[in-house]
């Protein structure tokens, strides 16, 4: 099985941070910016059209193409918007994977106290209205998919373990090529989980819509490449 971890396109919160260096005024569930939408279309096109070259040996750069078989996405709007572009281009179903969300969940900072206050998140009806092609989990109703307190950093690690276990259960031992559209913070925790990295002072950079490929083979997990953005023009690398 090959995992293609793709960060969402630029969000309104990403742009806010780039412009101000702060999160004041952030959205609890930001949408893609215009640049983010362009990035999503470009990564989708790349996944669809790359290839046409016969590799001399192991195809570590996908010169023969990607051959994606499954597309999953976090339930956060910026990820779903990116996943929609990819799934449409590849003519594949877009499947929601709740555990792929960003650390913290859906929340806002309380203006009076500074405490992080968990919010409900989108309901089934909300997602159906915005993204009718998204396949949502059966348990999601009208209470909101998050609907719980802010998720602390320490709580992300067991979620990453659960995500990895589910990934292997669904696709381990197969030739599947799986896209998961997710987030930079979760990416870092997932890499620490997969490769047993104990340090908390290391950070693995991941640009918007960048691709990281990890191959799972019997008795081996192979980090093939990371943070690939060669399909983006320079002005759209964020």
Foldseek 3Di string as FASTA:
>chain_A
DKEKEWEFFAWPQNVVCVVPVDRVPPALQTAHDPLRLVLLLLLLVCQQPAADDDDPDPCLPQNHHQPADEAEEALRRRGVSSSVSNCVSVVHQYEYDNLQEAAFHRWDQDPVPRDTAHDQAQAPVRCCVVPVRYHYDPPGHHRHPTNDGTGDPVNNQVSLVVVVVVCCVVQNPHPHYYYYHHHQRSVQSNVCNVVVPPDPVDGDDAWHRFIWMWDDDVVDIRRSDTNDDPSDDPVSTD
